[in-house]
Amino acid sequence: MAKTVCKLLGVIFVIVGIAGFVQPGLLGAHLNLAHNLVHIVSGAIALYFGFAGSAGAARGFCLLFGIVYLLLGIVGWFMGTGADHMFAVGNLLMLGKVDHIIHVLLGVIFLAGGALGGKD
């Protein structure tokens, strides 16, 4: 299951990273150069674990990224300000309500993939 999650989310991350250069407001998210590059790099790493990594490595990646994305979404939501819960990560990323919701969902999916692990 973890390798499948890595493959699917890896493809989605790369597509969203590339699409963010063309449509910075894609799905209401706040995509900029740094955010797009994070998506592309995350997607490339996920694809590596999905296609070339062992099932155990893919599981570890899913658990680690699941925790990171879940925490990013939760922290962003509660520490964000205004109606859109705007939250800055350094001077590079500006995240809003839609970003936080997407990050929580991604965190849950990654964690589920890592928890179900298995041999795939």
N, C-alpha and C. Protein backbone atom coordinates (compact mmCIF):
# COMPACT_ATOMS: atom_id res chain seq x y z
N MET A 1 0.81 -1.21 0.00
CA MET A 1 0.00 0.00 0.00
C MET A 1 0.85 1.26 0.00
N ALA A 2 1.96 1.28 0.77
CA ALA A 2 2.80 2.47 0.87
C ALA A 2 3.42 2.82 -0.48
N LYS A 3 3.88 1.81 -1.22
CA LYS A 3 4.48 2.09 -2.53
C LYS A 3 3.44 2.64 -3.49
N THR A 4 2.21 2.15 -3.42
CA THR A 4 1.14 2.66 -4.26
C THR A 4 0.81 4.11 -3.92
N VAL A 5 0.73 4.41 -2.63
CA VAL A 5 0.47 5.79 -2.19
C VAL A 5 1.60 6.70 -2.69
N CYS A 6 2.85 6.26 -2.57
CA CYS A 6 3.98 7.06 -3.05
C CYS A 6 3.87 7.31 -4.55
N LYS A 7 3.50 6.30 -5.31
CA LYS A 7 3.38 6.46 -6.76
C LYS A 7 2.28 7.46 -7.11
N LEU A 8 1.10 7.26 -6.52
CA LEU A 8 -0.03 8.13 -6.83
C LEU A 8 0.20 9.57 -6.39
N LEU A 9 0.60 9.74 -5.14
CA LEU A 9 0.81 11.10 -4.65
C LEU A 9 2.03 11.74 -5.30
N GLY A 10 3.03 10.94 -5.64
CA GLY A 10 4.19 11.46 -6.34
C GLY A 10 3.80 12.09 -7.67
N VAL A 11 2.98 11.39 -8.43
CA VAL A 11 2.51 11.92 -9.71
C VAL A 11 1.69 13.18 -9.49
N ILE A 12 0.80 13.15 -8.51
CA ILE A 12 -0.05 14.32 -8.23
C ILE A 12 0.80 15.52 -7.81
N PHE A 13 1.78 15.29 -6.94
CA PHE A 13 2.64 16.39 -6.49
C PHE A 13 3.39 17.02 -7.66
N VAL A 14 3.94 16.20 -8.53
CA VAL A 14 4.69 16.75 -9.67
C VAL A 14 3.76 17.53 -10.59
N ILE A 15 2.58 16.99 -10.86
CA ILE A 15 1.62 17.69 -11.72
C ILE A 15 1.20 19.02 -11.09
N VAL A 16 0.88 19.01 -9.82
CA VAL A 16 0.46 20.24 -9.14
C VAL A 16 1.62 21.24 -9.10
N GLY A 17 2.84 20.75 -8.88
CA GLY A 17 4.00 21.64 -8.88
C GLY A 17 4.20 22.33 -10.21
N ILE A 18 4.04 21.59 -11.29
CA ILE A 18 4.18 22.18 -12.63
C ILE A 18 2.99 23.10 -12.93
N ALA A 19 1.79 22.63 -12.61
CA ALA A 19 0.58 23.43 -12.88
C ALA A 19 0.59 24.74 -12.10
N GLY A 20 1.21 24.73 -10.92
CA GLY A 20 1.28 25.95 -10.11
C GLY A 20 2.03 27.08 -10.78
N PHE A 21 2.94 26.75 -11.68
CA PHE A 21 3.65 27.80 -12.42
C PHE A 21 2.72 28.49 -13.42
N VAL A 22 1.75 27.72 -13.92
CA VAL A 22 0.81 28.26 -14.91
C VAL A 22 -0.38 28.91 -14.22
N GLN A 23 -0.86 28.29 -13.15
CA GLN A 23 -2.06 28.75 -12.44
C GLN A 23 -1.76 28.84 -10.94
N PRO A 24 -1.17 29.96 -10.47
CA PRO A 24 -0.78 30.08 -9.06
C PRO A 24 -1.93 29.96 -8.06
N GLY A 25 -3.16 30.18 -8.48
CA GLY A 25 -4.30 30.08 -7.58
C GLY A 25 -5.05 28.76 -7.76
N LEU A 26 -4.39 27.75 -8.27
CA LEU A 26 -5.00 26.45 -8.54
C LEU A 26 -5.75 25.93 -7.31
N LEU A 27 -7.02 25.63 -7.49
CA LEU A 27 -7.88 25.10 -6.43
C LEU A 27 -7.96 26.01 -5.20
N GLY A 28 -7.63 27.28 -5.36
CA GLY A 28 -7.69 28.22 -4.25
C GLY A 28 -6.45 28.20 -3.37
N ALA A 29 -5.43 27.43 -3.76
CA ALA A 29 -4.20 27.36 -2.99
C ALA A 29 -3.32 28.58 -3.30
N HIS A 30 -2.35 28.81 -2.46
CA HIS A 30 -1.42 29.93 -2.63
C HIS A 30 -0.09 29.38 -3.13
N LEU A 31 0.01 29.20 -4.44
CA LEU A 31 1.19 28.59 -5.02
C LEU A 31 2.13 29.66 -5.57
N ASN A 32 3.39 29.57 -5.18
CA ASN A 32 4.42 30.45 -5.70
C ASN A 32 5.61 29.59 -6.08
N LEU A 33 6.70 30.21 -6.46
CA LEU A 33 7.88 29.47 -6.91
C LEU A 33 8.34 28.45 -5.87
N ALA A 34 8.51 28.89 -4.62
CA ALA A 34 8.98 27.99 -3.57
C ALA A 34 8.00 26.84 -3.32
N HIS A 35 6.71 27.16 -3.27
CA HIS A 35 5.69 26.14 -3.02
C HIS A 35 5.68 25.12 -4.15
N ASN A 36 5.78 25.59 -5.39
CA ASN A 36 5.81 24.69 -6.54
C ASN A 36 7.04 23.79 -6.51
N LEU A 37 8.18 24.36 -6.16
CA LEU A 37 9.40 23.56 -6.08
C LEU A 37 9.31 22.51 -4.98
N VAL A 38 8.71 22.87 -3.84
CA VAL A 38 8.51 21.89 -2.76
C VAL A 38 7.64 20.75 -3.27
N HIS A 39 6.59 21.06 -4.02
CA HIS A 39 5.73 20.00 -4.57
C HIS A 39 6.48 19.11 -5.54
N ILE A 40 7.27 19.71 -6.42
CA ILE A 40 8.00 18.92 -7.41
C ILE A 40 9.05 18.03 -6.73
N VAL A 41 9.79 18.57 -5.78
CA VAL A 41 10.79 17.77 -5.07
C VAL A 41 10.13 16.68 -4.24
N SER A 42 9.05 17.02 -3.53
CA SER A 42 8.31 16.01 -2.74
C SER A 42 7.80 14.91 -3.66
N GLY A 43 7.27 15.31 -4.81
CA GLY A 43 6.75 14.33 -5.76
C GLY A 43 7.85 13.43 -6.30
N ALA A 44 9.00 14.00 -6.60
CA ALA A 44 10.12 13.20 -7.11
C ALA A 44 10.59 12.20 -6.06
N ILE A 45 10.68 12.64 -4.81
CA ILE A 45 11.09 11.73 -3.73
C ILE A 45 10.06 10.62 -3.55
N ALA A 46 8.77 11.00 -3.56
CA ALA A 46 7.71 9.99 -3.43
C ALA A 46 7.77 8.99 -4.58
N LEU A 47 7.99 9.47 -5.79
CA LEU A 47 8.09 8.57 -6.94
C LEU A 47 9.28 7.63 -6.80
N TYR A 48 10.38 8.13 -6.29
CA TYR A 48 11.54 7.26 -6.07
C TYR A 48 11.16 6.11 -5.13
N PHE A 49 10.57 6.46 -3.98
CA PHE A 49 10.20 5.42 -3.02
C PHE A 49 9.11 4.50 -3.58
N GLY A 50 8.22 5.05 -4.39
CA GLY A 50 7.16 4.24 -4.96
C GLY A 50 7.65 3.24 -6.00
N PHE A 51 8.63 3.65 -6.80
CA PHE A 51 9.09 2.79 -7.88
C PHE A 51 10.39 2.05 -7.58
N ALA A 52 11.34 2.69 -6.88
CA ALA A 52 12.66 2.09 -6.69
C ALA A 52 12.96 1.71 -5.24
N GLY A 53 12.23 2.27 -4.32
CA GLY A 53 12.50 1.99 -2.91
C GLY A 53 11.87 0.69 -2.46
N SER A 54 12.33 0.21 -1.34
CA SER A 54 11.73 -1.01 -0.76
C SER A 54 10.38 -0.65 -0.15
N ALA A 55 9.59 -1.68 0.14
CA ALA A 55 8.29 -1.45 0.78
C ALA A 55 8.48 -0.78 2.14
N GLY A 56 9.51 -1.18 2.87
CA GLY A 56 9.77 -0.59 4.17
C GLY A 56 10.18 0.87 4.08
N ALA A 57 10.98 1.19 3.07
CA ALA A 57 11.40 2.59 2.87
C ALA A 57 10.20 3.45 2.47
N ALA A 58 9.35 2.92 1.61
CA ALA A 58 8.15 3.65 1.20
C ALA A 58 7.24 3.87 2.40
N ARG A 59 7.14 2.87 3.25
CA ARG A 59 6.32 2.99 4.47
C ARG A 59 6.88 4.09 5.36
N GLY A 60 8.20 4.09 5.57
CA GLY A 60 8.83 5.13 6.39
C GLY A 60 8.63 6.52 5.80
N PHE A 61 8.76 6.64 4.48
CA PHE A 61 8.53 7.91 3.81
C PHE A 61 7.09 8.38 4.04
N CYS A 62 6.14 7.48 3.86
CA CYS A 62 4.73 7.84 4.05
C CYS A 62 4.47 8.30 5.48
N LEU A 63 5.02 7.60 6.44
CA LEU A 63 4.81 7.99 7.84
C LEU A 63 5.44 9.34 8.13
N LEU A 64 6.68 9.55 7.67
CA LEU A 64 7.36 10.82 7.91
C LEU A 64 6.64 11.98 7.22
N PHE A 65 6.34 11.83 5.93
CA PHE A 65 5.66 12.90 5.21
C PHE A 65 4.24 13.10 5.72
N GLY A 66 3.60 12.02 6.16
CA GLY A 66 2.26 12.14 6.73
C GLY A 66 2.27 13.01 7.97
N ILE A 67 3.24 12.78 8.84
CA ILE A 67 3.35 13.59 10.05
C ILE A 67 3.65 15.04 9.69
N VAL A 68 4.59 15.25 8.76
CA VAL A 68 4.97 16.62 8.38
C VAL A 68 3.78 17.37 7.79
N TYR A 69 3.08 16.75 6.83
CA TYR A 69 1.95 17.45 6.19
C TYR A 69 0.79 17.65 7.16
N LEU A 70 0.52 16.66 8.00
CA LEU A 70 -0.56 16.81 8.97
C LEU A 70 -0.25 17.94 9.95
N LEU A 71 0.97 17.98 10.47
CA LEU A 71 1.35 19.05 11.39
C LEU A 71 1.34 20.41 10.70
N LEU A 72 1.83 20.47 9.47
CA LEU A 72 1.83 21.72 8.72
C LEU A 72 0.40 22.25 8.57
N GLY A 73 -0.53 21.37 8.24
CA GLY A 73 -1.92 21.78 8.09
C GLY A 73 -2.55 22.24 9.39
N ILE A 74 -2.30 21.49 10.46
CA ILE A 74 -2.89 21.82 11.76
C ILE A 74 -2.28 23.11 12.33
N VAL A 75 -0.96 23.21 12.29
CA VAL A 75 -0.29 24.40 12.80
C VAL A 75 -0.71 25.63 11.98
N GLY A 76 -0.73 25.46 10.66
CA GLY A 76 -1.14 26.57 9.80
C GLY A 76 -2.54 27.04 10.11
N TRP A 77 -3.45 26.10 10.33
CA TRP A 77 -4.84 26.45 10.61
C TRP A 77 -4.95 27.23 11.92
N PHE A 78 -4.33 26.71 12.97
CA PHE A 78 -4.50 27.33 14.29
C PHE A 78 -3.60 28.55 14.52
N MET A 79 -2.49 28.63 13.82
CA MET A 79 -1.62 29.79 13.99
C MET A 79 -1.83 30.83 12.90
N GLY A 80 -2.62 30.47 11.88
CA GLY A 80 -2.91 31.41 10.81
C GLY A 80 -3.79 32.54 11.30
N THR A 81 -3.74 33.66 10.60
CA THR A 81 -4.51 34.82 11.02
C THR A 81 -5.55 35.20 9.98
N GLY A 82 -6.57 35.87 10.43
CA GLY A 82 -7.61 36.36 9.54
C GLY A 82 -8.58 35.27 9.13
N ALA A 83 -9.53 35.66 8.31
CA ALA A 83 -10.58 34.73 7.86
C ALA A 83 -10.01 33.59 7.04
N ASP A 84 -8.88 33.83 6.35
CA ASP A 84 -8.28 32.79 5.51
C ASP A 84 -7.18 32.02 6.24
N HIS A 85 -7.02 32.28 7.55
CA HIS A 85 -6.00 31.59 8.36
C HIS A 85 -4.62 31.65 7.71
N MET A 86 -4.24 32.83 7.22
CA MET A 86 -2.96 32.98 6.53
C MET A 86 -1.80 32.71 7.48
N PHE A 87 -0.87 31.90 7.01
CA PHE A 87 0.26 31.47 7.81
C PHE A 87 1.51 31.50 6.93
N ALA A 88 2.54 32.20 7.40
CA ALA A 88 3.78 32.30 6.63
C ALA A 88 4.79 31.29 7.15
N VAL A 89 5.45 30.63 6.20
CA VAL A 89 6.55 29.73 6.53
C VAL A 89 7.80 30.45 6.03
N GLY A 90 8.49 31.08 6.96
CA GLY A 90 9.62 31.91 6.57
C GLY A 90 9.14 33.05 5.69
N ASN A 91 9.99 33.46 4.79
CA ASN A 91 9.60 34.50 3.83
C ASN A 91 9.24 33.89 2.48
N LEU A 92 9.21 32.56 2.41
CA LEU A 92 9.02 31.89 1.13
C LEU A 92 7.60 31.43 0.84
N LEU A 93 6.92 30.92 1.86
CA LEU A 93 5.60 30.33 1.64
C LEU A 93 4.53 31.09 2.41
N MET A 94 3.42 31.34 1.74
CA MET A 94 2.25 31.92 2.37
C MET A 94 1.14 30.88 2.19
N LEU A 95 0.63 30.37 3.29
CA LEU A 95 -0.38 29.32 3.22
C LEU A 95 -1.69 29.82 3.81
N GLY A 96 -2.79 29.46 3.16
CA GLY A 96 -4.11 29.86 3.61
C GLY A 96 -4.99 28.66 3.91
N LYS A 97 -6.26 28.93 4.12
CA LYS A 97 -7.24 27.92 4.51
C LYS A 97 -7.23 26.70 3.59
N VAL A 98 -7.28 26.93 2.29
CA VAL A 98 -7.31 25.81 1.34
C VAL A 98 -6.03 24.99 1.44
N ASP A 99 -4.89 25.67 1.56
CA ASP A 99 -3.61 24.96 1.72
C ASP A 99 -3.64 24.08 2.96
N HIS A 100 -4.16 24.61 4.07
CA HIS A 100 -4.18 23.84 5.32
C HIS A 100 -5.07 22.60 5.18
N ILE A 101 -6.21 22.76 4.57
CA ILE A 101 -7.12 21.62 4.39
C ILE A 101 -6.46 20.56 3.51
N ILE A 102 -5.83 20.98 2.42
CA ILE A 102 -5.15 20.04 1.53
C ILE A 102 -4.01 19.35 2.27
N HIS A 103 -3.25 20.09 3.06
CA HIS A 103 -2.13 19.49 3.79
C HIS A 103 -2.61 18.47 4.82
N VAL A 104 -3.71 18.75 5.50
CA VAL A 104 -4.26 17.78 6.46
C VAL A 104 -4.70 16.52 5.72
N LEU A 105 -5.39 16.69 4.60
CA LEU A 105 -5.83 15.51 3.82
C LEU A 105 -4.64 14.70 3.32
N LEU A 106 -3.62 15.37 2.82
CA LEU A 106 -2.42 14.67 2.37
C LEU A 106 -1.76 13.93 3.53
N GLY A 107 -1.69 14.58 4.68
CA GLY A 107 -1.11 13.94 5.86
C GLY A 107 -1.85 12.67 6.23
N VAL A 108 -3.16 12.72 6.19
CA VAL A 108 -3.97 11.54 6.52
C VAL A 108 -3.74 10.43 5.50
N ILE A 109 -3.70 10.78 4.22
CA ILE A 109 -3.49 9.78 3.17
C ILE A 109 -2.10 9.14 3.31
N PHE A 110 -1.07 9.97 3.50
CA PHE A 110 0.28 9.43 3.69
C PHE A 110 0.34 8.53 4.92
N LEU A 111 -0.25 8.98 6.03
CA LEU A 111 -0.22 8.17 7.25
C LEU A 111 -0.97 6.86 7.07
N ALA A 112 -2.09 6.90 6.39
CA ALA A 112 -2.84 5.67 6.11
C ALA A 112 -2.01 4.72 5.27
N GLY A 113 -1.36 5.26 4.25
CA GLY A 113 -0.50 4.42 3.39
C GLY A 113 0.65 3.82 4.18
N GLY A 114 1.22 4.59 5.09
CA GLY A 114 2.32 4.09 5.89
C GLY A 114 1.85 3.09 6.94
N ALA A 115 0.68 3.35 7.53
CA ALA A 115 0.16 2.46 8.56
C ALA A 115 -0.26 1.11 7.96
N LEU A 116 -0.83 1.15 6.76
CA LEU A 116 -1.27 -0.08 6.12
C LEU A 116 -0.09 -0.80 5.47
N GLY A 117 0.97 -0.01 5.19
CA GLY A 117 2.24 -0.55 4.69
C GLY A 117 2.07 -1.72 3.75
N GLY A 118 2.30 -2.90 4.25
CA GLY A 118 2.17 -4.11 3.45
C GLY A 118 3.27 -4.25 2.42
N LYS A 119 3.17 -5.28 1.65
CA LYS A 119 4.14 -5.54 0.58
C LYS A 119 3.48 -5.24 -0.74
N ASP A 120 3.86 -4.11 -1.36
CA ASP A 120 3.32 -3.83 -2.68
C ASP A 120 4.36 -3.40 -3.60
